[in-house]
Amino acid sequence: MPMTVCPAATVHVPVERVWALLASPGVLSRWWDAETVRLNPPGATQEGQTVELRSRAFDREW
């Protein structure tokens, strides 16, 4: 049975720099294989925010 895993790496940078990348809606597509459809409420990542994504695989939209 084939197994797929996501690559991982350890980086030595300030947590503020990492969080700035993760919390910025404009760069989300750099680290996940999906299109951001909607953020509610809009803006930077925040607690309680709902993120709606769309991705295609196996000729289907997920």
PDB file of N, CA and C in Angstrom:
ATOM      1  N   MET A   1       0.841  -1.164   0.000  1.00  0.00           N
ATOM      2  CA  MET A   1       0.000   0.000   0.000  1.00  0.00           C
ATOM      3  C   MET A   1       0.897   1.241   0.000  1.00  0.00           C
ATOM      4  N   PRO A   2       0.724   2.158  -0.983  1.00  0.00           N
ATOM      5  CA  PRO A   2       1.558   3.352  -1.035  1.00  0.00           C
ATOM      6  C   PRO A   2       1.239   4.308   0.118  1.00  0.00           C
ATOM      7  N   MET A   3       2.261   5.054   0.525  1.00  0.00           N
ATOM      8  CA  MET A   3       2.079   6.020   1.599  1.00  0.00           C
ATOM      9  C   MET A   3       2.635   7.361   1.151  1.00  0.00           C
ATOM     10  N   THR A   4       1.892   8.425   1.392  1.00  0.00           N
ATOM     11  CA  THR A   4       2.329   9.767   1.052  1.00  0.00           C
ATOM     12  C   THR A   4       2.499  10.559   2.338  1.00  0.00           C
ATOM     13  N   VAL A   5       3.591  11.287   2.426  1.00  0.00           N
ATOM     14  CA  VAL A   5       3.835  12.125   3.593  1.00  0.00           C
ATOM     15  C   VAL A   5       4.200  13.526   3.143  1.00  0.00           C
ATOM     16  N   CYS A   6       3.993  14.474   4.004  1.00  0.00           N
ATOM     17  CA  CYS A   6       4.372  15.852   3.713  1.00  0.00           C
ATOM     18  C   CYS A   6       5.789  16.082   4.214  1.00  0.00           C
ATOM     19  N   PRO A   7       6.588  16.800   3.444  1.00  0.00           N
ATOM     20  CA  PRO A   7       7.948  17.083   3.911  1.00  0.00           C
ATOM     21  C   PRO A   7       7.917  18.030   5.104  1.00  0.00           C
ATOM     22  N   ALA A   8       8.889  17.927   5.945  1.00  0.00           N
ATOM     23  CA  ALA A   8       9.010  18.801   7.112  1.00  0.00           C
ATOM     24  C   ALA A   8      10.457  19.251   7.240  1.00  0.00           C
ATOM     25  N   ALA A   9      10.643  20.384   7.869  1.00  0.00           N
ATOM     26  CA  ALA A   9      11.993  20.900   8.072  1.00  0.00           C
ATOM     27  C   ALA A   9      12.034  21.685   9.370  1.00  0.00           C
ATOM     28  N   THR A  10      13.211  21.778   9.935  1.00  0.00           N
ATOM     29  CA  THR A  10      13.431  22.606  11.110  1.00  0.00           C
ATOM     30  C   THR A  10      14.113  23.881  10.646  1.00  0.00           C
ATOM     31  N   VAL A  11      13.586  25.016  11.095  1.00  0.00           N
ATOM     32  CA  VAL A  11      14.178  26.303  10.730  1.00  0.00           C
ATOM     33  C   VAL A  11      14.554  27.043  12.005  1.00  0.00           C
ATOM     34  N   HIS A  12      15.581  27.826  11.915  1.00  0.00           N
ATOM     35  CA  HIS A  12      16.054  28.593  13.056  1.00  0.00           C
ATOM     36  C   HIS A  12      15.856  30.078  12.758  1.00  0.00           C
ATOM     37  N   VAL A  13      14.619  30.515  12.941  1.00  0.00           N
ATOM     38  CA  VAL A  13      14.256  31.924  12.728  1.00  0.00           C
ATOM     39  C   VAL A  13      13.353  32.356  13.880  1.00  0.00           C
ATOM     40  N   PRO A  14      13.241  33.641  14.095  1.00  0.00           N
ATOM     41  CA  PRO A  14      12.358  34.128  15.164  1.00  0.00           C
ATOM     42  C   PRO A  14      10.898  33.728  14.893  1.00  0.00           C
ATOM     43  N   VAL A  15      10.184  33.373  15.946  1.00  0.00           N
ATOM     44  CA  VAL A  15       8.797  32.942  15.814  1.00  0.00           C
ATOM     45  C   VAL A  15       7.941  34.036  15.173  1.00  0.00           C
ATOM     46  N   GLU A  16       8.265  35.283  15.400  1.00  0.00           N
ATOM     47  CA  GLU A  16       7.497  36.384  14.811  1.00  0.00           C
ATOM     48  C   GLU A  16       7.551  36.351  13.285  1.00  0.00           C
ATOM     49  N   ARG A  17       8.701  35.979  12.757  1.00  0.00           N
ATOM     50  CA  ARG A  17       8.847  35.916  11.291  1.00  0.00           C
ATOM     51  C   ARG A  17       8.019  34.763  10.711  1.00  0.00           C
ATOM     52  N   VAL A  18       8.041  33.621  11.380  1.00  0.00           N
ATOM     53  CA  VAL A  18       7.245  32.472  10.932  1.00  0.00           C
ATOM     54  C   VAL A  18       5.763  32.812  11.017  1.00  0.00           C
ATOM     55  N   TRP A  19       5.330  33.351  12.151  1.00  0.00           N
ATOM     56  CA  TRP A  19       3.914  33.676  12.318  1.00  0.00           C
ATOM     57  C   TRP A  19       3.456  34.703  11.280  1.00  0.00           C
ATOM     58  N   ALA A  20       4.309  35.659  10.920  1.00  0.00           N
ATOM     59  CA  ALA A  20       3.944  36.648   9.904  1.00  0.00           C
ATOM     60  C   ALA A  20       3.605  35.961   8.578  1.00  0.00           C
ATOM     61  N   LEU A  21       4.322  34.890   8.243  1.00  0.00           N
ATOM     62  CA  LEU A  21       4.015  34.150   7.017  1.00  0.00           C
ATOM     63  C   LEU A  21       2.723  33.350   7.146  1.00  0.00           C
ATOM     64  N   LEU A  22       2.523  32.707   8.284  1.00  0.00           N
ATOM     65  CA  LEU A  22       1.335  31.884   8.475  1.00  0.00           C
ATOM     66  C   LEU A  22       0.070  32.720   8.625  1.00  0.00           C
ATOM     67  N   ALA A  23       0.198  33.933   9.132  1.00  0.00           N
ATOM     68  CA  ALA A  23      -0.959  34.765   9.418  1.00  0.00           C
ATOM     69  C   ALA A  23      -1.335  35.696   8.275  1.00  0.00           C
ATOM     70  N   SER A  24      -0.584  35.684   7.213  1.00  0.00           N
ATOM     71  CA  SER A  24      -0.831  36.594   6.101  1.00  0.00           C
ATOM     72  C   SER A  24      -1.613  35.885   4.998  1.00  0.00           C
ATOM     73  N   PRO A  25      -2.877  36.258   4.774  1.00  0.00           N
ATOM     74  CA  PRO A  25      -3.693  35.576   3.775  1.00  0.00           C
ATOM     75  C   PRO A  25      -3.091  35.569   2.367  1.00  0.00           C
ATOM     76  N   GLY A  26      -2.316  36.583   2.028  1.00  0.00           N
ATOM     77  CA  GLY A  26      -1.743  36.669   0.693  1.00  0.00           C
ATOM     78  C   GLY A  26      -0.696  35.616   0.369  1.00  0.00           C
ATOM     79  N   VAL A  27      -0.160  34.945   1.384  1.00  0.00           N
ATOM     80  CA  VAL A  27       0.891  33.954   1.139  1.00  0.00           C
ATOM     81  C   VAL A  27       0.484  32.534   1.527  1.00  0.00           C
ATOM     82  N   LEU A  28      -0.777  32.322   1.863  1.00  0.00           N
ATOM     83  CA  LEU A  28      -1.214  30.988   2.273  1.00  0.00           C
ATOM     84  C   LEU A  28      -0.952  29.938   1.200  1.00  0.00           C
ATOM     85  N   SER A  29      -1.103  30.302  -0.064  1.00  0.00           N
ATOM     86  CA  SER A  29      -0.914  29.322  -1.147  1.00  0.00           C
ATOM     87  C   SER A  29       0.537  28.851  -1.245  1.00  0.00           C
ATOM     88  N   ARG A  30       1.472  29.530  -0.602  1.00  0.00           N
ATOM     89  CA  ARG A  30       2.872  29.087  -0.606  1.00  0.00           C
ATOM     90  C   ARG A  30       3.072  27.825   0.210  1.00  0.00           C
ATOM     91  N   TRP A  31       2.222  27.588   1.213  1.00  0.00           N
ATOM     92  CA  TRP A  31       2.468  26.449   2.094  1.00  0.00           C
ATOM     93  C   TRP A  31       1.327  25.460   2.180  1.00  0.00           C
ATOM     94  N   TRP A  32       0.259  25.649   1.398  1.00  0.00           N
ATOM     95  CA  TRP A  32      -0.731  24.572   1.289  1.00  0.00           C
ATOM     96  C   TRP A  32      -1.199  24.468  -0.142  1.00  0.00           C
ATOM     97  N   ASP A  33      -1.588  23.283  -0.531  1.00  0.00           N
ATOM     98  CA  ASP A  33      -1.995  23.005  -1.906  1.00  0.00           C
ATOM     99  C   ASP A  33      -3.496  23.211  -2.038  1.00  0.00           C
ATOM    100  N   ALA A  34      -3.910  24.464  -1.893  1.00  0.00           N
ATOM    101  CA  ALA A  34      -5.327  24.788  -1.977  1.00  0.00           C
ATOM    102  C   ALA A  34      -5.477  26.264  -2.325  1.00  0.00           C
ATOM    103  N   GLU A  35      -6.641  26.582  -2.849  1.00  0.00           N
ATOM    104  CA  GLU A  35      -6.991  27.969  -3.133  1.00  0.00           C
ATOM    105  C   GLU A  35      -7.829  28.474  -1.966  1.00  0.00           C
ATOM    106  N   THR A  36      -7.476  29.620  -1.425  1.00  0.00           N
ATOM    107  CA  THR A  36      -8.265  30.212  -0.353  1.00  0.00           C
ATOM    108  C   THR A  36      -9.497  30.853  -0.971  1.00  0.00           C
ATOM    109  N   VAL A  37     -10.664  30.363  -0.586  1.00  0.00           N
ATOM    110  CA  VAL A  37     -11.927  30.871  -1.133  1.00  0.00           C
ATOM    111  C   VAL A  37     -12.458  32.009  -0.264  1.00  0.00           C
ATOM    112  N   ARG A  38     -12.457  31.805   1.057  1.00  0.00           N
ATOM    113  CA  ARG A  38     -13.050  32.799   1.940  1.00  0.00           C
ATOM    114  C   ARG A  38     -12.443  32.704   3.336  1.00  0.00           C
ATOM    115  N   LEU A  39     -12.222  33.865   3.941  1.00  0.00           N
ATOM    116  CA  LEU A  39     -11.803  33.963   5.339  1.00  0.00           C
ATOM    117  C   LEU A  39     -12.900  34.734   6.066  1.00  0.00           C
ATOM    118  N   ASN A  40     -13.364  34.185   7.185  1.00  0.00           N
ATOM    119  CA  ASN A  40     -14.424  34.851   7.927  1.00  0.00           C
ATOM    120  C   ASN A  40     -14.059  34.887   9.407  1.00  0.00           C
ATOM    121  N   PRO A  41     -13.768  36.034   9.990  1.00  0.00           N
ATOM    122  CA  PRO A  41     -13.717  37.351   9.371  1.00  0.00           C
ATOM    123  C   PRO A  41     -12.476  37.489   8.484  1.00  0.00           C
ATOM    124  N   PRO A  42     -12.559  38.377   7.495  1.00  0.00           N
ATOM    125  CA  PRO A  42     -11.414  38.567   6.602  1.00  0.00           C
ATOM    126  C   PRO A  42     -10.218  39.165   7.336  1.00  0.00           C
ATOM    127  N   GLY A  43      -9.059  39.049   6.716  1.00  0.00           N
ATOM    128  CA  GLY A  43      -7.850  39.634   7.288  1.00  0.00           C
ATOM    129  C   GLY A  43      -6.887  38.581   7.781  1.00  0.00           C
ATOM    130  N   ALA A  44      -5.950  39.039   8.598  1.00  0.00           N
ATOM    131  CA  ALA A  44      -4.902  38.164   9.111  1.00  0.00           C
ATOM    132  C   ALA A  44      -5.499  37.014   9.920  1.00  0.00           C
ATOM    133  N   THR A  45      -4.779  35.896   9.952  1.00  0.00           N
ATOM    134  CA  THR A  45      -5.205  34.722  10.706  1.00  0.00           C
ATOM    135  C   THR A  45      -5.436  35.110  12.158  1.00  0.00           C
ATOM    136  N   GLN A  46      -6.547  34.613  12.711  1.00  0.00           N
ATOM    137  CA  GLN A  46      -6.876  34.919  14.096  1.00  0.00           C
ATOM    138  C   GLN A  46      -7.692  33.796  14.713  1.00  0.00           C
ATOM    139  N   GLU A  47      -7.706  33.751  16.010  1.00  0.00           N
ATOM    140  CA  GLU A  47      -8.455  32.724  16.719  1.00  0.00           C
ATOM    141  C   GLU A  47      -9.933  32.811  16.348  1.00  0.00           C
ATOM    142  N   GLY A  48     -10.538  31.651  16.064  1.00  0.00           N
ATOM    143  CA  GLY A  48     -11.957  31.585  15.741  1.00  0.00           C
ATOM    144  C   GLY A  48     -12.282  31.846  14.283  1.00  0.00           C
ATOM    145  N   GLN A  49     -11.301  32.187  13.491  1.00  0.00           N
ATOM    146  CA  GLN A  49     -11.531  32.480  12.081  1.00  0.00           C
ATOM    147  C   GLN A  49     -11.864  31.195  11.324  1.00  0.00           C
ATOM    148  N   THR A  50     -12.796  31.284  10.389  1.00  0.00           N
ATOM    149  CA  THR A  50     -13.148  30.166   9.529  1.00  0.00           C
ATOM    150  C   THR A  50     -12.452  30.358   8.189  1.00  0.00           C
ATOM    151  N   VAL A  51     -11.798  29.302   7.711  1.00  0.00           N
ATOM    152  CA  VAL A  51     -11.081  29.359   6.439  1.00  0.00           C
ATOM    153  C   VAL A  51     -11.725  28.364   5.496  1.00  0.00           C
ATOM    154  N   GLU A  52     -12.185  28.838   4.339  1.00  0.00           N
ATOM    155  CA  GLU A  52     -12.774  27.965   3.323  1.00  0.00           C
ATOM    156  C   GLU A  52     -11.767  27.811   2.187  1.00  0.00           C
ATOM    157  N   LEU A  53     -11.449  26.552   1.855  1.00  0.00           N
ATOM    158  CA  LEU A  53     -10.443  26.240   0.840  1.00  0.00           C
ATOM    159  C   LEU A  53     -11.054  25.422  -0.285  1.00  0.00           C
ATOM    160  N   ARG A  54     -10.347  25.413  -1.412  1.00  0.00           N
ATOM    161  CA  ARG A  54     -10.751  24.573  -2.542  1.00  0.00           C
ATOM    162  C   ARG A  54      -9.475  23.972  -3.118  1.00  0.00           C
ATOM    163  N   SER A  55      -9.539  22.685  -3.426  1.00  0.00           N
ATOM    164  CA  SER A  55      -8.403  21.992  -4.008  1.00  0.00           C
ATOM    165  C   SER A  55      -8.904  20.974  -5.011  1.00  0.00           C
ATOM    166  N   ARG A  56      -8.089  20.639  -5.987  1.00  0.00           N
ATOM    167  CA  ARG A  56      -8.461  19.647  -6.979  1.00  0.00           C
ATOM    168  C   ARG A  56      -7.500  18.471  -6.930  1.00  0.00           C
ATOM    169  N   ALA A  57      -8.064  17.279  -6.984  1.00  0.00           N
ATOM    170  CA  ALA A  57      -7.277  16.058  -7.052  1.00  0.00           C
ATOM    171  C   ALA A  57      -8.175  14.960  -7.583  1.00  0.00           C
ATOM    172  N   PHE A  58      -7.616  14.044  -8.335  1.00  0.00           N
ATOM    173  CA  PHE A  58      -8.365  12.918  -8.879  1.00  0.00           C
ATOM    174  C   PHE A  58      -9.581  13.381  -9.678  1.00  0.00           C
ATOM    175  N   ASP A  59      -9.411  14.472 -10.418  1.00  0.00           N
ATOM    176  CA  ASP A  59     -10.483  15.054 -11.231  1.00  0.00           C
ATOM    177  C   ASP A  59     -11.707  15.458 -10.430  1.00  0.00           C
ATOM    178  N   ARG A  60     -11.498  15.793  -9.149  1.00  0.00           N
ATOM    179  CA  ARG A  60     -12.589  16.235  -8.293  1.00  0.00           C
ATOM    180  C   ARG A  60     -12.178  17.505  -7.566  1.00  0.00           C
ATOM    181  N   GLU A  61     -13.166  18.285  -7.198  1.00  0.00           N
ATOM    182  CA  GLU A  61     -12.917  19.464  -6.379  1.00  0.00           C
ATOM    183  C   GLU A  61     -13.269  19.124  -4.945  1.00  0.00           C
ATOM    184  N   TRP A  62     -12.369  19.447  -4.024  1.00  0.00           N
ATOM    185  CA  TRP A  62     -12.578  19.141  -2.619  1.00  0.00           C
ATOM    186  C   TRP A  62     -12.724  20.410  -1.823  1.00  0.00           C
TER     187      TRP A  62
END
